Amino acid sequence: MRSDTANYREIFLNDLPMMDARAPVEFAKGAFPYTVNLPLMTDIERQKVGTCYKQHGQEAAIALGHQLVSGDVKAARVEAWVAFAQANPQGYLYCFRGGLRSQIVQQWLKEAGIDYPRVKGGYKAMRTFLMETTQDAVAQCDFVLVGGLTGTGKTEVIAALANSLDLEGHANHRGSSFGKRATPQPPQIEFENRLAIDILKKRAAGFDQFVLEDEGRIVGSCSVPLELYQGMQQYPLVWLEDSFESRVERIRRDYVVDLCAEFIVTHGEEQGFPLFAERLRQSLSNIVKRLGGERYQRMAALLDQALDEQARSGAVDLHREWISGLLSEYYDPMYAFQRDSKAERVEFAGDQAAVLQYLHERRSAQR
């Protein structure tokens, strides 16, 4: 029999599957990759046991728990745990602190003929380990940011580098007012966990320098961990440049062609396009105060024309109009101001090929 473990590093480096015995409401707030929620108690059962504990103490609460999870209910849950254990013989189980709930699940599995190990310290200890992983990297590693005007392809640079940390990828958001994707963002805790595991794996592979996109504190609904964001206010910058025409085409591809396809894959042919169109209109209305009334009305009219033509014929050429206007009148002046405010931190500027070459050379020089 494999023994219980506190080797969180091994768990996350090897993507080991885990059974989360916490209640669904706890799991929904944030969990780890390769984890399945197979709770000992439902949310309502957990609430009843918690109330009993406060009013009558631990012994009465445990008795109530056994009463609530008994007979056919218990049999069904044990059956699900057995199926998971058999399908994932290399995995582990855990609860919040590695205490009573995971011990009960472990005991009932043993009674069903399966010895299955649990994670000592449970969710709380693993979460602390991952938070410390990010904090240690900020304290010990070298970081450089990739900045640039909207549409220069910063995400493409991040994707091309083995030592990058893709904040937008982990947040499932493109980082701008138009950055929402067809699928939802992860909870904040899950975003932080994904980022920490990425850092852990890359450091284990020997990387001690990381490249990040120059982001704000918030990526959609996900907040960059405070210690990392504070570091990003001082890290050196590499500035990515591209022509206005190329930037318009890249934005049209990413935010129109690809996003529309994403919505259709996610929601089907019939609902996908209307939901995509609504998303673009909503994204523009989100910045109405910053655009001003006249400019917003003008951009909204261009967007409506482009969407009508796309719905009618599938053509996406008219989207260039509102994208060009938004870049020249809104995003470029804003980013130019940001560039000026960060000018002393810019250590290199160039097109995508030059930036990638510089970043590769920079990493080689610091090995």
Protein backbone atom coordinates (compact mmCIF):
# COMPACT_ATOMS: atom_id res chain seq x y z
CA MET A 1 0.00 0.00 0.00
CA ARG A 2 1.23 3.52 -0.82
CA SER A 3 1.42 5.66 2.29
CA ASP A 4 -0.18 9.05 2.96
CA THR A 5 1.91 11.90 1.60
CA ALA A 6 2.97 15.46 2.31
CA ASN A 7 5.10 15.64 -0.85
CA TYR A 8 3.07 18.36 -2.57
CA ARG A 9 5.90 19.04 -5.02
CA GLU A 10 5.68 15.50 -6.40
CA ILE A 11 1.89 15.74 -6.69
CA PHE A 12 1.93 18.91 -8.79
CA LEU A 13 5.04 18.15 -10.86
CA ASN A 14 3.54 14.84 -11.96
CA ASP A 15 -0.09 15.98 -12.41
CA LEU A 16 -1.26 13.26 -10.05
CA PRO A 17 -5.06 12.84 -9.96
CA MET A 18 -6.79 13.64 -6.69
CA MET A 19 -10.18 13.02 -5.14
CA ASP A 20 -11.48 16.10 -3.32
CA ALA A 21 -13.77 15.05 -0.45
CA ARG A 22 -14.81 18.62 0.40
CA ALA A 23 -18.36 19.83 -0.15
CA PRO A 24 -19.24 21.16 -3.63
CA VAL A 25 -19.43 24.77 -2.37
CA GLU A 26 -15.82 24.53 -1.16
CA PHE A 27 -14.66 22.93 -4.40
CA ALA A 28 -16.34 25.64 -6.51
CA LYS A 29 -14.32 28.38 -4.80
CA GLY A 30 -11.10 26.88 -6.12
CA ALA A 31 -9.42 23.55 -6.67
CA PHE A 32 -6.37 22.01 -8.33
CA PRO A 33 -5.90 20.58 -11.84
CA TYR A 34 -6.61 16.86 -12.30
CA THR A 35 -8.96 16.90 -9.32
CA VAL A 36 -12.48 15.44 -9.09
CA ASN A 37 -14.97 16.49 -6.43
CA LEU A 38 -16.43 13.36 -4.80
CA PRO A 39 -17.63 14.79 -1.50
CA LEU A 40 -18.25 12.97 1.74
CA MET A 41 -21.20 15.31 2.35
CA THR A 42 -23.37 17.57 0.20
CA ASP A 43 -23.51 21.29 0.98
CA ILE A 44 -26.74 20.88 2.94
CA GLU A 45 -25.42 17.90 4.92
CA ARG A 46 -22.23 19.78 5.75
CA GLN A 47 -24.24 22.79 6.90
CA LYS A 48 -26.37 20.61 9.21
CA VAL A 49 -23.28 18.95 10.71
CA GLY A 50 -21.60 22.34 11.19
CA THR A 51 -24.64 23.70 13.02
CA CYS A 52 -24.76 20.60 15.20
CA TYR A 53 -21.05 20.98 16.01
CA LYS A 54 -21.55 24.58 17.17
CA GLN A 55 -24.58 23.70 19.31
CA HIS A 56 -23.73 20.25 20.67
CA GLY A 57 -20.04 19.57 20.08
CA GLN A 58 -17.89 17.25 17.97
CA GLU A 59 -19.28 13.91 19.14
CA ALA A 60 -22.86 14.86 18.29
CA ALA A 61 -21.77 16.30 14.93
CA ILE A 62 -19.93 13.10 13.98
CA ALA A 63 -22.98 11.04 14.95
CA LEU A 64 -25.23 13.24 12.81
CA GLY A 65 -22.80 12.95 9.89
CA HIS A 66 -22.91 9.14 10.04
CA GLN A 67 -26.70 9.29 10.25
CA LEU A 68 -26.98 11.57 7.20
CA VAL A 69 -24.50 9.53 5.13
CA SER A 70 -25.73 5.99 5.67
CA GLY A 71 -27.57 3.21 3.85
CA ASP A 72 -28.04 3.74 0.12
CA VAL A 73 -26.52 7.25 0.27
CA LYS A 74 -23.30 5.90 1.77
CA ALA A 75 -23.24 2.95 -0.64
CA ALA A 76 -23.54 5.26 -3.66
CA ARG A 77 -20.72 7.50 -2.46
CA VAL A 78 -18.42 4.61 -1.64
CA GLU A 79 -19.12 3.18 -5.08
CA ALA A 80 -18.03 6.47 -6.68
CA TRP A 81 -14.86 6.60 -4.55
CA VAL A 82 -14.02 2.99 -5.43
CA ALA A 83 -14.45 3.74 -9.15
CA PHE A 84 -12.11 6.74 -8.87
CA ALA A 85 -9.51 4.78 -6.89
CA GLN A 86 -9.55 1.92 -9.39
CA ALA A 87 -9.30 4.30 -12.36
CA ASN A 88 -6.52 6.33 -10.70
CA PRO A 89 -4.30 3.95 -8.71
CA GLN A 90 -1.51 6.55 -8.57
CA GLY A 91 -3.75 9.25 -7.04
CA TYR A 92 -4.60 10.59 -3.61
CA LEU A 93 -7.60 11.86 -1.69
CA TYR A 94 -7.88 14.96 0.48
CA CYS A 95 -10.28 17.17 2.40
CA PHE A 96 -9.78 20.69 3.72
CA ARG A 97 -7.12 20.04 6.37
CA GLY A 98 -6.44 16.35 5.81
CA GLY A 99 -8.49 15.56 8.89
CA LEU A 100 -11.73 13.82 9.73
CA ARG A 101 -13.47 13.85 6.35
CA SER A 102 -10.59 12.35 4.37
CA GLN A 103 -9.95 9.86 7.19
CA ILE A 104 -13.58 8.68 7.01
CA VAL A 105 -13.42 8.36 3.21
CA GLN A 106 -10.15 6.45 3.55
CA GLN A 107 -11.64 4.13 6.19
CA TRP A 108 -14.79 3.40 4.18
CA LEU A 109 -12.66 2.69 1.11
CA LYS A 110 -10.59 0.27 3.19
CA GLU A 111 -13.78 -1.48 4.30
CA ALA A 112 -14.63 -1.81 0.58
CA GLY A 113 -11.28 -3.49 0.01
CA ILE A 114 -9.20 -0.55 -1.26
CA ASP A 115 -6.24 1.06 0.51
CA TYR A 116 -6.06 4.59 -0.86
CA PRO A 117 -3.63 7.23 0.44
CA ARG A 118 -4.57 10.75 1.46
CA VAL A 119 -2.74 14.05 1.35
CA LYS A 120 -1.55 15.12 4.80
CA GLY A 121 -2.62 18.66 5.56
CA GLY A 122 -5.21 18.50 2.76
CA TYR A 123 -6.29 21.38 0.58
CA LYS A 124 -5.05 24.05 2.99
CA ALA A 125 -1.47 22.73 3.05
CA MET A 126 -1.33 22.29 -0.75
CA ARG A 127 -2.73 25.78 -1.28
CA THR A 128 -0.12 27.24 1.10
CA PHE A 129 2.63 25.35 -0.76
CA LEU A 130 1.53 26.83 -4.10
CA MET A 131 1.26 30.38 -2.73
CA GLU A 132 4.78 30.04 -1.35
CA THR A 133 5.96 28.72 -4.73
CA THR A 134 4.93 32.00 -6.38
CA GLN A 135 6.35 34.10 -3.55
CA ASP A 136 9.69 32.26 -3.70
CA ALA A 137 9.94 32.78 -7.47
CA VAL A 138 9.32 36.52 -7.11
CA ALA A 139 12.04 36.70 -4.47
CA GLN A 140 14.58 34.46 -6.21
CA CYS A 141 14.11 34.67 -10.00
CA ASP A 142 14.69 37.21 -12.76
CA PHE A 143 11.67 38.62 -14.61
CA VAL A 144 11.26 40.68 -17.78
CA LEU A 145 8.04 42.09 -19.25
CA VAL A 146 6.89 42.27 -22.87
CA GLY A 147 5.01 45.51 -23.57
CA GLY A 148 3.66 47.11 -26.72
CA LEU A 149 0.65 48.76 -28.31
CA THR A 150 -2.59 46.79 -28.64
CA GLY A 151 -2.37 44.19 -31.40
CA THR A 152 1.41 43.93 -31.68
CA GLY A 153 1.29 40.21 -30.85
CA LYS A 154 2.55 40.12 -27.27
CA THR A 155 0.63 36.89 -26.67
CA GLU A 156 2.40 35.31 -29.66
CA VAL A 157 5.78 36.18 -28.14
CA ILE A 158 4.73 34.66 -24.81
CA ALA A 159 3.56 31.50 -26.56
CA ALA A 160 6.87 31.15 -28.43
CA LEU A 161 9.06 31.18 -25.30
CA ALA A 162 9.76 28.16 -23.10
CA ASN A 163 10.40 30.40 -20.07
CA SER A 164 7.22 32.49 -20.28
CA LEU A 165 4.32 32.65 -17.84
CA ASP A 166 1.04 33.15 -19.69
CA LEU A 167 -1.11 35.15 -17.29
CA GLU A 168 -3.87 35.59 -19.87
CA GLY A 169 -3.86 31.88 -20.67
CA HIS A 170 -4.19 30.91 -17.01
CA ALA A 171 -6.96 33.51 -16.57
CA ASN A 172 -8.72 32.45 -19.82
CA HIS A 173 -8.97 36.12 -20.78
CA ARG A 174 -7.15 38.32 -23.29
CA GLY A 175 -6.60 41.06 -20.74
CA SER A 176 -8.39 43.97 -22.43
CA SER A 177 -11.92 45.36 -22.35
CA PHE A 178 -12.59 43.00 -25.27
CA GLY A 179 -10.75 40.09 -23.67
CA LYS A 180 -13.61 37.84 -22.51
CA ARG A 181 -13.63 34.46 -24.20
CA ALA A 182 -16.55 32.15 -25.05
CA THR A 183 -15.83 30.00 -21.98
CA PRO A 184 -15.80 31.35 -18.40
CA GLN A 185 -12.79 32.39 -16.38
CA PRO A 186 -11.58 30.22 -13.51
CA PRO A 187 -12.18 31.26 -9.89
CA GLN A 188 -9.42 33.47 -8.45
CA ILE A 189 -7.92 30.65 -6.36
CA GLU A 190 -7.79 28.32 -9.37
CA PHE A 191 -6.04 31.01 -11.44
CA GLU A 192 -3.41 31.42 -8.72
CA ASN A 193 -2.98 27.64 -8.45
CA ARG A 194 -2.50 27.22 -12.22
CA LEU A 195 0.11 29.98 -12.27
CA ALA A 196 1.99 28.53 -9.30
CA ILE A 197 2.08 25.03 -10.81
CA ASP A 198 3.40 26.52 -14.07
CA ILE A 199 6.17 28.25 -12.10
CA LEU A 200 6.93 25.07 -10.15
CA LYS A 201 7.29 22.98 -13.33
CA LYS A 202 9.44 25.55 -15.12
CA ARG A 203 11.75 25.99 -12.13
CA ALA A 204 12.05 22.20 -11.88
CA ALA A 205 13.07 22.23 -15.57
CA GLY A 206 15.88 24.65 -14.74
CA PHE A 207 14.39 28.04 -15.60
CA ASP A 208 15.20 30.92 -13.27
CA GLN A 209 14.23 33.76 -15.61
CA PHE A 210 10.62 34.36 -16.65
CA VAL A 211 8.98 36.47 -19.35
CA LEU A 212 5.55 37.98 -18.66
CA GLU A 213 3.23 40.20 -20.65
CA ASP A 214 3.00 43.70 -19.18
CA GLU A 215 -0.47 43.41 -17.60
CA GLY A 216 -2.55 45.43 -15.22
CA ARG A 217 -3.41 44.01 -11.79
CA ILE A 218 -6.69 42.57 -13.10
CA VAL A 219 -6.91 40.12 -16.01
CA GLY A 220 -10.65 40.04 -16.56
CA SER A 221 -11.94 38.94 -13.16
CA CYS A 222 -8.63 37.40 -12.01
CA SER A 223 -6.13 39.39 -9.95
CA VAL A 224 -2.40 38.89 -10.46
CA PRO A 225 -0.89 37.78 -7.10
CA LEU A 226 0.08 40.94 -5.21
CA GLU A 227 3.77 40.15 -4.77
CA LEU A 228 4.12 39.44 -8.50
CA TYR A 229 2.19 42.55 -9.51
CA GLN A 230 4.32 44.71 -7.23
CA GLY A 231 7.41 43.25 -8.89
CA MET A 232 5.96 44.03 -12.33
CA GLN A 233 6.07 47.73 -11.48
CA GLN A 234 9.88 47.56 -11.50
CA TYR A 235 10.82 44.73 -13.89
CA PRO A 236 12.64 45.68 -17.11
CA LEU A 237 10.57 45.97 -20.28
CA VAL A 238 11.03 44.78 -23.84
CA TRP A 239 8.83 46.80 -26.21
CA LEU A 240 7.21 45.00 -29.16
CA GLU A 241 6.55 47.01 -32.32
CA ASP A 242 4.47 46.34 -35.45
CA SER A 243 2.80 48.34 -38.21
CA PHE A 244 -0.68 49.79 -37.74
CA GLU A 245 -2.05 47.64 -40.59
CA SER A 246 -0.64 44.42 -39.12
CA ARG A 247 -2.09 45.26 -35.72
CA VAL A 248 -5.55 45.84 -37.20
CA GLU A 249 -5.38 42.49 -38.99
CA ARG A 250 -4.21 40.66 -35.87
CA ILE A 251 -7.03 42.12 -33.78
CA ARG A 252 -9.57 41.29 -36.49
CA ARG A 253 -8.31 37.70 -36.50
CA ASP A 254 -8.20 37.28 -32.71
CA TYR A 255 -11.29 39.24 -31.63
CA VAL A 256 -13.55 38.63 -34.63
CA VAL A 257 -12.66 35.53 -36.65
CA ASP A 258 -11.26 33.35 -33.86
CA LEU A 259 -13.66 34.57 -31.17
CA CYS A 260 -16.67 33.96 -33.42
CA ALA A 261 -15.43 30.43 -34.13
CA GLU A 262 -14.95 29.91 -30.38
CA PHE A 263 -18.56 30.90 -29.67
CA ILE A 264 -19.88 28.61 -32.40
CA VAL A 265 -17.85 25.65 -31.10
CA THR A 266 -19.03 26.34 -27.54
CA HIS A 267 -22.70 27.23 -28.19
CA GLY A 268 -23.50 25.76 -31.62
CA GLU A 269 -24.23 27.31 -35.02
CA GLU A 270 -27.62 28.76 -34.10
CA GLN A 271 -26.73 30.49 -30.84
CA GLY A 272 -23.00 31.02 -31.35
CA PHE A 273 -23.05 34.04 -33.67
CA PRO A 274 -25.73 36.05 -31.79
CA LEU A 275 -23.84 35.49 -28.53
CA PHE A 276 -20.57 36.50 -30.18
CA ALA A 277 -22.15 39.67 -31.59
CA GLU A 278 -23.63 40.52 -28.19
CA ARG A 279 -20.22 40.00 -26.58
CA LEU A 280 -18.53 42.48 -28.96
CA ARG A 281 -21.28 45.08 -28.44
CA GLN A 282 -21.08 44.64 -24.67
CA SER A 283 -17.29 44.95 -24.72
CA LEU A 284 -17.55 48.27 -26.56
CA SER A 285 -20.25 49.55 -24.20
CA ASN A 286 -17.99 48.69 -21.24
CA ILE A 287 -15.68 51.56 -22.22
CA VAL A 288 -18.39 54.09 -23.15
CA LYS A 289 -17.37 56.47 -20.36
CA ARG A 290 -13.74 56.43 -21.43
CA LEU A 291 -14.65 56.84 -25.11
CA GLY A 292 -17.17 59.62 -24.62
CA GLY A 293 -20.68 59.67 -26.03
CA GLU A 294 -20.00 60.89 -29.59
CA ARG A 295 -17.06 58.58 -30.19
CA TYR A 296 -18.91 55.61 -28.70
CA GLN A 297 -21.95 56.16 -30.93
CA ARG A 298 -19.71 56.37 -34.00
CA MET A 299 -17.79 53.18 -33.12
CA ALA A 300 -21.00 51.34 -32.19
CA ALA A 301 -22.56 52.18 -35.57
CA LEU A 302 -19.46 50.86 -37.40
CA LEU A 303 -19.51 47.70 -35.27
CA ASP A 304 -23.22 47.12 -36.00
CA GLN A 305 -22.60 47.47 -39.75
CA ALA A 306 -19.73 45.01 -39.61
CA LEU A 307 -21.73 42.47 -37.59
CA ASP A 308 -24.74 42.79 -39.93
CA GLU A 309 -22.52 42.12 -42.95
CA GLN A 310 -20.80 39.21 -41.19
CA ALA A 311 -24.18 37.67 -40.31
CA ARG A 312 -25.44 38.14 -43.88
CA SER A 313 -22.44 37.00 -45.91
CA GLY A 314 -19.75 35.81 -43.52
CA ALA A 315 -17.44 38.64 -44.68
CA VAL A 316 -15.39 40.31 -41.93
CA ASP A 317 -13.78 43.17 -43.92
CA LEU A 318 -15.95 45.91 -42.39
CA HIS A 319 -14.60 45.13 -38.91
CA ARG A 320 -11.39 46.94 -39.93
CA GLU A 321 -13.23 50.26 -39.64
CA TRP A 322 -14.16 50.19 -35.96
CA ILE A 323 -10.93 48.41 -35.02
CA SER A 324 -8.85 51.11 -36.76
CA GLY A 325 -10.85 53.86 -35.07
CA LEU A 326 -10.57 52.29 -31.66
CA LEU A 327 -6.80 51.85 -32.03
CA SER A 328 -6.02 55.32 -33.32
CA GLU A 329 -8.43 57.27 -31.12
CA TYR A 330 -8.41 55.28 -27.87
CA TYR A 331 -5.87 52.49 -27.34
CA ASP A 332 -2.79 54.02 -29.01
CA PRO A 333 -2.86 57.34 -27.10
CA MET A 334 -3.40 55.43 -23.85
CA TYR A 335 -0.53 53.01 -24.49
CA ALA A 336 1.75 55.81 -25.73
CA PHE A 337 1.27 57.54 -22.38
CA GLN A 338 2.08 54.29 -20.58
CA ARG A 339 5.19 53.79 -22.72
CA ASP A 340 6.42 57.28 -21.82
CA SER A 341 5.85 56.64 -18.12
CA LYS A 342 7.89 53.41 -18.31
CA ALA A 343 10.55 54.65 -20.75
CA GLU A 344 13.48 54.27 -18.35
CA ARG A 345 12.67 50.55 -17.89
CA VAL A 346 12.64 49.73 -21.65
CA GLU A 347 15.87 47.85 -22.39
CA PHE A 348 15.05 46.79 -25.96
CA ALA A 349 12.51 47.59 -28.70
CA GLY A 350 11.89 45.88 -32.01
CA ASP A 351 9.59 43.73 -34.13
CA GLN A 352 8.53 40.21 -33.17
CA ALA A 353 11.56 38.43 -34.65
CA ALA A 354 13.99 40.89 -33.05
CA VAL A 355 12.26 40.72 -29.66
CA LEU A 356 12.26 36.92 -29.65
CA GLN A 357 15.95 36.83 -30.58
CA TYR A 358 16.78 39.36 -27.86
CA LEU A 359 14.86 37.42 -25.21
CA HIS A 360 16.54 34.14 -26.20
CA GLU A 361 19.96 35.81 -26.02
CA ARG A 362 19.07 37.47 -22.72
CA ARG A 363 18.23 34.13 -21.15
CA SER A 364 21.37 32.47 -22.54
CA ALA A 365 23.54 35.29 -21.17
CA GLN A 366 22.15 34.83 -17.65
CA ARG A 367 22.58 31.06 -17.46
